[in-house]
PDB file of N, CA and C in Angstrom:
ATOM      1  N   MET A   1      -1.750  24.613   8.726  1.00  0.00           N
ATOM      2  CA  MET A   1      -1.980  23.222   8.292  1.00  0.00           C
ATOM      3  C   MET A   1      -0.404  23.285   7.709  1.00  0.00           C
ATOM      4  N   SER A   2       0.835  22.270   8.358  1.00  0.00           N
ATOM      5  CA  SER A   2       2.203  21.712   7.595  1.00  0.00           C
ATOM      6  C   SER A   2       2.007  21.329   6.372  1.00  0.00           C
ATOM      7  N   VAL A   3       2.566  21.399   5.535  1.00  0.00           N
ATOM      8  CA  VAL A   3       2.320  20.862   3.975  1.00  0.00           C
ATOM      9  C   VAL A   3       2.225  19.258   4.089  1.00  0.00           C
ATOM     10  N   ARG A   4       3.064  19.112   4.777  1.00  0.00           N
ATOM     11  CA  ARG A   4       2.978  17.210   5.662  1.00  0.00           C
ATOM     12  C   ARG A   4       1.697  16.508   6.270  1.00  0.00           C
ATOM     13  N   ARG A   5       1.086  17.347   7.099  1.00  0.00           N
ATOM     14  CA  ARG A   5      -0.400  17.040   7.481  1.00  0.00           C
ATOM     15  C   ARG A   5      -1.531  17.389   6.010  1.00  0.00           C
ATOM     16  N   ALA A   6      -1.166  18.746   5.442  1.00  0.00           N
ATOM     17  CA  ALA A   6      -2.545  18.573   4.509  1.00  0.00           C
ATOM     18  C   ALA A   6      -1.323  17.213   2.966  1.00  0.00           C
ATOM     19  N   ILE A   7      -0.761  17.017   2.996  1.00  0.00           N
ATOM     20  CA  ILE A   7      -0.776  15.300   2.478  1.00  0.00           C
ATOM     21  C   ILE A   7      -1.429  14.831   3.587  1.00  0.00           C
ATOM     22  N   GLU A   8      -1.228  14.631   4.145  1.00  0.00           N
ATOM     23  CA  GLU A   8      -1.649  13.264   4.516  1.00  0.00           C
ATOM     24  C   GLU A   8      -3.106  13.021   4.624  1.00  0.00           C
ATOM     25  N   LYS A   9      -3.501  15.061   5.153  1.00  0.00           N
ATOM     26  CA  LYS A   9      -4.795  14.884   4.986  1.00  0.00           C
ATOM     27  C   LYS A   9      -5.511  15.002   3.425  1.00  0.00           C
ATOM     28  N   LEU A  10      -5.324  15.183   2.185  1.00  0.00           N
ATOM     29  CA  LEU A  10      -5.199  14.228   0.781  1.00  0.00           C
ATOM     30  C   LEU A  10      -5.361  13.240   0.760  1.00  0.00           C
ATOM     31  N   HIS A  11      -4.297  12.263   1.069  1.00  0.00           N
ATOM     32  CA  HIS A  11      -4.367  10.935   1.401  1.00  0.00           C
ATOM     33  C   HIS A  11      -5.246  10.320   2.298  1.00  0.00           C
ATOM     34  N   SER A  12      -5.769  11.245   2.966  1.00  0.00           N
ATOM     35  CA  SER A  12      -6.612   9.973   3.937  1.00  0.00           C
ATOM     36  C   SER A  12      -8.223  10.320   2.782  1.00  0.00           C
ATOM     37  N   SER A  13      -8.412  11.098   2.382  1.00  0.00           N
ATOM     38  CA  SER A  13      -9.805  11.049   1.991  1.00  0.00           C
ATOM     39  C   SER A  13      -9.840   9.908   0.888  1.00  0.00           C
ATOM     40  N   PRO A  14     -11.324   9.360   1.116  1.00  0.00           N
ATOM     41  CA  PRO A  14     -11.548   7.852   0.559  1.00  0.00           C
ATOM     42  C   PRO A  14     -11.284   8.538  -1.313  1.00  0.00           C
ATOM     43  N   ASP A  15     -12.059   9.117  -1.637  1.00  0.00           N
ATOM     44  CA  ASP A  15     -12.107   8.957  -3.088  1.00  0.00           C
ATOM     45  C   ASP A  15     -10.245   9.951  -4.191  1.00  0.00           C
ATOM     46  N   ALA A  16      -9.615  10.477  -2.690  1.00  0.00           N
ATOM     47  CA  ALA A  16      -7.871  10.915  -3.378  1.00  0.00           C
ATOM     48  C   ALA A  16      -7.599   9.727  -3.931  1.00  0.00           C
ATOM     49  N   PRO A  17      -5.914  10.247  -4.701  1.00  0.00           N
ATOM     50  CA  PRO A  17      -5.179   8.573  -5.329  1.00  0.00           C
ATOM     51  C   PRO A  17      -4.512   9.284  -5.381  1.00  0.00           C
ATOM     52  N   ARG A  18      -3.622   7.675  -4.847  1.00  0.00           N
ATOM     53  CA  ARG A  18      -2.671   7.277  -3.705  1.00  0.00           C
ATOM     54  C   ARG A  18      -1.492   6.764  -4.700  1.00  0.00           C
ATOM     55  N   THR A  19      -0.912   8.074  -4.415  1.00  0.00           N
ATOM     56  CA  THR A  19       0.684   7.738  -5.549  1.00  0.00           C
ATOM     57  C   THR A  19       1.770   6.812  -4.068  1.00  0.00           C
ATOM     58  N   PHE A  20       2.482   6.026  -4.072  1.00  0.00           N
ATOM     59  CA  PHE A  20       3.509   5.772  -3.716  1.00  0.00           C
ATOM     60  C   PHE A  20       5.133   5.779  -4.571  1.00  0.00           C
ATOM     61  N   PRO A  21       5.674   5.943  -3.719  1.00  0.00           N
ATOM     62  CA  PRO A  21       7.144   6.033  -4.488  1.00  0.00           C
ATOM     63  C   PRO A  21       7.719   4.820  -4.378  1.00  0.00           C
ATOM     64  N   GLU A  22       8.172   3.879  -5.368  1.00  0.00           N
ATOM     65  CA  GLU A  22       9.065   2.858  -4.780  1.00  0.00           C
ATOM     66  C   GLU A  22       9.853   2.728  -3.429  1.00  0.00           C
ATOM     67  N   HIS A  23       9.638   1.956  -2.578  1.00  0.00           N
ATOM     68  CA  HIS A  23      10.350   1.764  -1.653  1.00  0.00           C
ATOM     69  C   HIS A  23       9.545   2.469  -0.856  1.00  0.00           C
ATOM     70  N   SER A  24       8.455   2.437  -0.907  1.00  0.00           N
ATOM     71  CA  SER A  24       7.653   3.629   0.122  1.00  0.00           C
ATOM     72  C   SER A  24       6.300   1.905   1.241  1.00  0.00           C
ATOM     73  N   MET A  25       6.748   2.512   2.237  1.00  0.00           N
ATOM     74  CA  MET A  25       5.845   1.192   2.738  1.00  0.00           C
ATOM     75  C   MET A  25       4.449   1.578   3.434  1.00  0.00           C
ATOM     76  N   VAL A  26       3.688   0.133   2.655  1.00  0.00           N
ATOM     77  CA  VAL A  26       1.943   0.484   2.134  1.00  0.00           C
ATOM     78  C   VAL A  26       1.526  -0.390   3.323  1.00  0.00           C
ATOM     79  N   ALA A  27       0.045  -0.615   3.373  1.00  0.00           N
ATOM     80  CA  ALA A  27      -0.569  -1.463   3.655  1.00  0.00           C
ATOM     81  C   ALA A  27      -1.281  -1.419   3.229  1.00  0.00           C
ATOM     82  N   LEU A  28      -2.944  -2.699   3.166  1.00  0.00           N
ATOM     83  CA  LEU A  28      -3.587  -2.965   2.620  1.00  0.00           C
ATOM     84  C   LEU A  28      -4.859  -2.172   3.705  1.00  0.00           C
ATOM     85  N   LEU A  29      -6.115  -2.305   2.909  1.00  0.00           N
ATOM     86  CA  LEU A  29      -6.954  -1.438   3.248  1.00  0.00           C
ATOM     87  C   LEU A  29      -7.839  -2.606   4.018  1.00  0.00           C
ATOM     88  N   SER A  30      -7.943  -3.429   2.708  1.00  0.00           N
ATOM     89  CA  SER A  30      -9.074  -4.476   2.787  1.00  0.00           C
ATOM     90  C   SER A  30      -8.072  -5.673   2.386  1.00  0.00           C
ATOM     91  N   GLY A  31      -8.915  -7.395   2.854  1.00  0.00           N
ATOM     92  CA  GLY A  31      -7.873  -8.528   2.755  1.00  0.00           C
ATOM     93  C   GLY A  31      -7.838  -8.427   0.952  1.00  0.00           C
ATOM     94  N   PHE A  32      -6.748  -8.997   0.824  1.00  0.00           N
ATOM     95  CA  PHE A  32      -5.968  -9.730  -0.951  1.00  0.00           C
ATOM     96  C   PHE A  32      -5.566 -10.915  -1.399  1.00  0.00           C
ATOM     97  N   THR A  33      -6.736 -11.556  -2.186  1.00  0.00           N
ATOM     98  CA  THR A  33      -6.574 -12.850  -1.755  1.00  0.00           C
ATOM     99  C   THR A  33      -6.095 -12.759  -3.169  1.00  0.00           C
ATOM    100  N   LEU A  34      -4.384 -14.265  -2.894  1.00  0.00           N
ATOM    101  CA  LEU A  34      -3.933 -14.369  -4.086  1.00  0.00           C
ATOM    102  C   LEU A  34      -4.350 -14.986  -4.953  1.00  0.00           C
ATOM    103  N   GLU A  35      -3.992 -15.174  -6.500  1.00  0.00           N
ATOM    104  CA  GLU A  35      -3.932 -16.717  -7.076  1.00  0.00           C
ATOM    105  C   GLU A  35      -4.305 -18.017  -6.628  1.00  0.00           C
ATOM    106  N   ASP A  36      -3.385 -18.224  -5.533  1.00  0.00           N
ATOM    107  CA  ASP A  36      -2.974 -19.615  -5.565  1.00  0.00           C
ATOM    108  C   ASP A  36      -4.540 -19.820  -4.209  1.00  0.00           C
ATOM    109  N   GLY A  37      -5.283 -19.140  -3.583  1.00  0.00           N
ATOM    110  CA  GLY A  37      -5.890 -18.732  -2.747  1.00  0.00           C
ATOM    111  C   GLY A  37      -5.271 -18.690  -1.312  1.00  0.00           C
ATOM    112  N   ARG A  38      -4.489 -17.910  -1.187  1.00  0.00           N
ATOM    113  CA  ARG A  38      -3.616 -17.645   0.269  1.00  0.00           C
ATOM    114  C   ARG A  38      -4.214 -16.159   0.302  1.00  0.00           C
ATOM    115  N   LEU A  39      -4.407 -15.962   1.208  1.00  0.00           N
ATOM    116  CA  LEU A  39      -5.328 -14.447   1.990  1.00  0.00           C
ATOM    117  C   LEU A  39      -4.613 -13.305   2.443  1.00  0.00           C
ATOM    118  N   LEU A  40      -4.443 -12.177   1.953  1.00  0.00           N
ATOM    119  CA  LEU A  40      -2.744 -11.376   2.337  1.00  0.00           C
ATOM    120  C   LEU A  40      -3.723 -10.878   3.433  1.00  0.00           C
ATOM    121  N   PRO A  41      -3.835 -10.319   4.950  1.00  0.00           N
ATOM    122  CA  PRO A  41      -5.173 -10.267   6.181  1.00  0.00           C
ATOM    123  C   PRO A  41      -4.828  -8.484   5.658  1.00  0.00           C
ATOM    124  N   PRO A  42      -5.550  -7.767   5.808  1.00  0.00           N
ATOM    125  CA  PRO A  42      -5.751  -6.356   5.921  1.00  0.00           C
ATOM    126  C   PRO A  42      -5.367  -5.562   6.526  1.00  0.00           C
ATOM    127  N   LYS A  43      -4.199  -4.654   6.692  1.00  0.00           N
ATOM    128  CA  LYS A  43      -3.045  -3.959   7.635  1.00  0.00           C
ATOM    129  C   LYS A  43      -1.983  -4.172   7.011  1.00  0.00           C
ATOM    130  N   ALA A  44      -1.914  -5.845   6.131  1.00  0.00           N
ATOM    131  CA  ALA A  44      -0.255  -6.832   6.130  1.00  0.00           C
ATOM    132  C   ALA A  44       0.269  -5.396   5.130  1.00  0.00           C
ATOM    133  N   GLU A  45       0.974  -5.136   6.041  1.00  0.00           N
ATOM    134  CA  GLU A  45       2.610  -4.418   5.248  1.00  0.00           C
ATOM    135  C   GLU A  45       3.749  -5.095   4.238  1.00  0.00           C
ATOM    136  N   GLY A  46       3.979  -3.677   3.573  1.00  0.00           N
ATOM    137  CA  GLY A  46       4.443  -4.485   2.324  1.00  0.00           C
ATOM    138  C   GLY A  46       5.943  -3.026   1.554  1.00  0.00           C
ATOM    139  N   ALA A  47       6.423  -3.519   1.106  1.00  0.00           N
ATOM    140  CA  ALA A  47       7.764  -2.253   0.485  1.00  0.00           C
ATOM    141  C   ALA A  47       6.928  -2.305  -0.957  1.00  0.00           C
ATOM    142  N   VAL A  48       7.059  -1.018  -1.789  1.00  0.00           N
ATOM    143  CA  VAL A  48       6.085  -0.842  -3.105  1.00  0.00           C
ATOM    144  C   VAL A  48       8.163  -1.357  -3.940  1.00  0.00           C
ATOM    145  N   VAL A  49       7.814  -2.075  -5.101  1.00  0.00           N
ATOM    146  CA  VAL A  49       8.841  -2.659  -5.747  1.00  0.00           C
ATOM    147  C   VAL A  49       8.565  -1.909  -7.213  1.00  0.00           C
ATOM    148  N   GLY A  50       7.617  -1.743  -7.407  1.00  0.00           N
ATOM    149  CA  GLY A  50       7.071  -1.439  -8.468  1.00  0.00           C
ATOM    150  C   GLY A  50       6.027  -0.668  -8.972  1.00  0.00           C
ATOM    151  N   VAL A  51       5.676   0.549  -9.963  1.00  0.00           N
ATOM    152  CA  VAL A  51       4.856   1.685  -9.996  1.00  0.00           C
ATOM    153  C   VAL A  51       4.324   0.916 -11.113  1.00  0.00           C
ATOM    154  N   TRP A  52       2.953   0.523 -11.367  1.00  0.00           N
ATOM    155  CA  TRP A  52       2.706  -0.246 -12.522  1.00  0.00           C
ATOM    156  C   TRP A  52       1.635   1.490 -13.143  1.00  0.00           C
ATOM    157  N   ALA A  53       1.270   1.904 -14.363  1.00  0.00           N
ATOM    158  CA  ALA A  53       0.420   2.800 -14.767  1.00  0.00           C
ATOM    159  C   ALA A  53       0.120   3.957 -14.598  1.00  0.00           C
ATOM    160  N   ASP A  54       1.401   4.570 -14.040  1.00  0.00           N
ATOM    161  CA  ASP A  54       1.480   5.852 -13.637  1.00  0.00           C
ATOM    162  C   ASP A  54       0.949   6.121 -12.437  1.00  0.00           C
ATOM    163  N   GLY A  55       0.758   4.521 -11.201  1.00  0.00           N
ATOM    164  CA  GLY A  55       0.039   4.189 -10.350  1.00  0.00           C
ATOM    165  C   GLY A  55      -1.025   3.593  -9.712  1.00  0.00           C
ATOM    166  N   GLU A  56      -1.174   3.854 -10.947  1.00  0.00           N
ATOM    167  CA  GLU A  56      -3.027   3.259 -10.545  1.00  0.00           C
ATOM    168  C   GLU A  56      -2.761   1.459  -9.880  1.00  0.00           C
ATOM    169  N   ALA A  57      -1.353   0.995 -10.317  1.00  0.00           N
ATOM    170  CA  ALA A  57      -1.391  -0.454  -9.293  1.00  0.00           C
ATOM    171  C   ALA A  57       0.090  -0.340  -8.715  1.00  0.00           C
ATOM    172  N   TYR A  58       0.700  -1.214  -8.294  1.00  0.00           N
ATOM    173  CA  TYR A  58       1.796  -0.806  -7.511  1.00  0.00           C
ATOM    174  C   TYR A  58       2.112  -2.689  -7.145  1.00  0.00           C
ATOM    175  N   GLU A  59       3.124  -3.309  -7.584  1.00  0.00           N
ATOM    176  CA  GLU A  59       4.041  -4.529  -6.912  1.00  0.00           C
ATOM    177  C   GLU A  59       4.211  -4.544  -5.099  1.00  0.00           C
ATOM    178  N   VAL A  60       4.005  -5.107  -4.982  1.00  0.00           N
ATOM    179  CA  VAL A  60       4.233  -5.080  -3.437  1.00  0.00           C
ATOM    180  C   VAL A  60       5.082  -6.343  -2.752  1.00  0.00           C
ATOM    181  N   GLU A  61       5.515  -6.484  -2.603  1.00  0.00           N
ATOM    182  CA  GLU A  61       6.900  -7.725  -1.442  1.00  0.00           C
ATOM    183  C   GLU A  61       6.196  -7.217  -0.253  1.00  0.00           C
ATOM    184  N   PHE A  62       4.927  -8.244   0.227  1.00  0.00           N
ATOM    185  CA  PHE A  62       5.344  -8.392   1.973  1.00  0.00           C
ATOM    186  C   PHE A  62       6.050  -9.796   2.406  1.00  0.00           C
ATOM    187  N   ASP A  63       6.620  -9.764   4.151  1.00  0.00           N
ATOM    188  CA  ASP A  63       6.528 -10.455   4.628  1.00  0.00           C
ATOM    189  C   ASP A  63       6.386 -10.577   5.415  1.00  0.00           C
ATOM    190  N   LYS A  64       5.143 -10.494   5.782  1.00  0.00           N
ATOM    191  CA  LYS A  64       3.676 -11.338   6.600  1.00  0.00           C
ATOM    192  C   LYS A  64       2.641 -11.259   5.952  1.00  0.00           C
ATOM    193  N   PRO A  65       1.973 -12.289   6.178  1.00  0.00           N
ATOM    194  CA  PRO A  65       2.355 -13.572   7.335  1.00  0.00           C
ATOM    195  C   PRO A  65       2.917 -14.279   6.365  1.00  0.00           C
ATOM    196  N   PHE A  66       3.474 -14.697   5.308  1.00  0.00           N
ATOM    197  CA  PHE A  66       4.507 -14.959   4.547  1.00  0.00           C
ATOM    198  C   PHE A  66       4.508 -14.526   3.712  1.00  0.00           C
ATOM    199  N   HIS A  67       5.402 -15.227   2.884  1.00  0.00           N
ATOM    200  CA  HIS A  67       6.636 -13.739   1.839  1.00  0.00           C
ATOM    201  C   HIS A  67       5.748 -14.245   0.192  1.00  0.00           C
ATOM    202  N   ALA A  68       5.630 -12.934  -0.171  1.00  0.00           N
ATOM    203  CA  ALA A  68       4.482 -12.901  -1.593  1.00  0.00           C
ATOM    204  C   ALA A  68       4.690 -11.674  -2.465  1.00  0.00           C
ATOM    205  N   VAL A  69       4.753 -11.790  -3.937  1.00  0.00           N
ATOM    206  CA  VAL A  69       5.268  -9.969  -4.234  1.00  0.00           C
ATOM    207  C   VAL A  69       3.858 -10.189  -5.420  1.00  0.00           C
ATOM    208  N   VAL A  70       2.894  -9.090  -5.084  1.00  0.00           N
ATOM    209  CA  VAL A  70       1.551  -8.862  -5.802  1.00  0.00           C
ATOM    210  C   VAL A  70       2.001  -7.828  -6.076  1.00  0.00           C
ATOM    211  N   THR A  71       0.939  -8.125  -7.540  1.00  0.00           N
ATOM    212  CA  THR A  71       0.207  -6.253  -8.334  1.00  0.00           C
ATOM    213  C   THR A  71      -1.177  -6.505  -7.459  1.00  0.00           C
ATOM    214  N   VAL A  72      -0.522  -4.483  -6.396  1.00  0.00           N
ATOM    215  CA  VAL A  72      -2.051  -4.429  -6.187  1.00  0.00           C
ATOM    216  C   VAL A  72      -2.588  -3.343  -6.052  1.00  0.00           C
ATOM    217  N   PRO A  73      -4.183  -3.304  -6.817  1.00  0.00           N
ATOM    218  CA  PRO A  73      -4.677  -1.870  -7.358  1.00  0.00           C
ATOM    219  C   PRO A  73      -4.523  -0.879  -5.898  1.00  0.00           C
ATOM    220  N   ALA A  74      -3.922   0.395  -6.968  1.00  0.00           N
ATOM    221  CA  ALA A  74      -3.718   2.331  -5.663  1.00  0.00           C
ATOM    222  C   ALA A  74      -4.757   1.584  -4.981  1.00  0.00           C
ATOM    223  N   ALA A  75      -6.347   1.935  -5.174  1.00  0.00           N
ATOM    224  CA  ALA A  75      -7.108   1.867  -4.476  1.00  0.00           C
ATOM    225  C   ALA A  75      -7.251   0.893  -2.982  1.00  0.00           C
ATOM    226  N   LYS A  76      -6.519  -0.085  -2.973  1.00  0.00           N
ATOM    227  CA  LYS A  76      -6.479  -0.837  -1.834  1.00  0.00           C
ATOM    228  C   LYS A  76      -5.239  -0.945  -1.220  1.00  0.00           C
ATOM    229  N   LEU A  77      -5.004   0.074  -1.226  1.00  0.00           N
ATOM    230  CA  LEU A  77      -2.665   0.169  -0.600  1.00  0.00           C
ATOM    231  C   LEU A  77      -3.609   1.836   0.011  1.00  0.00           C
ATOM    232  N   ARG A  78      -3.004   1.895   1.847  1.00  0.00           N
ATOM    233  CA  ARG A  78      -2.385   3.012   1.812  1.00  0.00           C
ATOM    234  C   ARG A  78      -0.700   3.288   2.551  1.00  0.00           C
ATOM    235  N   GLN A  79      -0.485   4.227   3.072  1.00  0.00           N
ATOM    236  CA  GLN A  79       0.443   4.533   3.498  1.00  0.00           C
ATOM    237  C   GLN A  79       0.718   3.819   5.216  1.00  0.00           C
ATOM    238  N   ALA A  80       1.962   2.902   4.914  1.00  0.00           N
ATOM    239  CA  ALA A  80       1.832   2.162   5.982  1.00  0.00           C
ATOM    240  C   ALA A  80       2.365   3.718   7.958  1.00  0.00           C
ATOM    241  N   GLU A  81       1.796   2.916   8.493  1.00  0.00           N
ATOM    242  CA  GLU A  81       1.886   3.808   9.784  1.00  0.00           C
ATOM    243  C   GLU A  81       3.310   3.988   9.567  1.00  0.00           C
ATOM    244  N   ARG A  82       4.223   4.737  10.176  1.00  0.00           N
ATOM    245  CA  ARG A  82       5.292   5.170  10.970  1.00  0.00           C
ATOM    246  C   ARG A  82       5.570   4.029  12.025  1.00  0.00           C
ATOM    247  N   ARG A  83       6.537   3.795  12.400  1.00  0.00           N
ATOM    248  CA  ARG A  83       6.089   2.671  13.951  1.00  0.00           C
ATOM    249  C   ARG A  83       8.195   3.967  14.320  1.00  0.00           C
ATOM    250  N   PRO A  84       7.726   4.298  16.016  1.00  0.00           N
ATOM    251  CA  PRO A  84       8.793   5.090  16.115  1.00  0.00           C
ATOM    252  C   PRO A  84      10.604   4.167  16.083  1.00  0.00           C
ATOM    253  N   ALA A  85      11.344   4.678  15.794  1.00  0.00           N
ATOM    254  CA  ALA A  85      12.380   4.381  15.909  1.00  0.00           C
ATOM    255  C   ALA A  85      13.096   3.489  16.985  1.00  0.00           C
TER     256      ALA A  85
END
């Protein structure tokens, strides 16, 4: 098994710690309600712009379905799927 595949498998485990460096593309595992009542839907993708408490939470900037910068617990995020170039 390649190192990359081993890492992907580790991160796919529901109990695996999720760590994302700044500028990583991430996606929500479930919907996320903002303080103003707007809802970011499951699978919404954004860029990590800040890492809090050694990866316990992340500041993520979303562009769709609307622009928002929110703090999201690591347990609500996964690595975004890569798209073909």
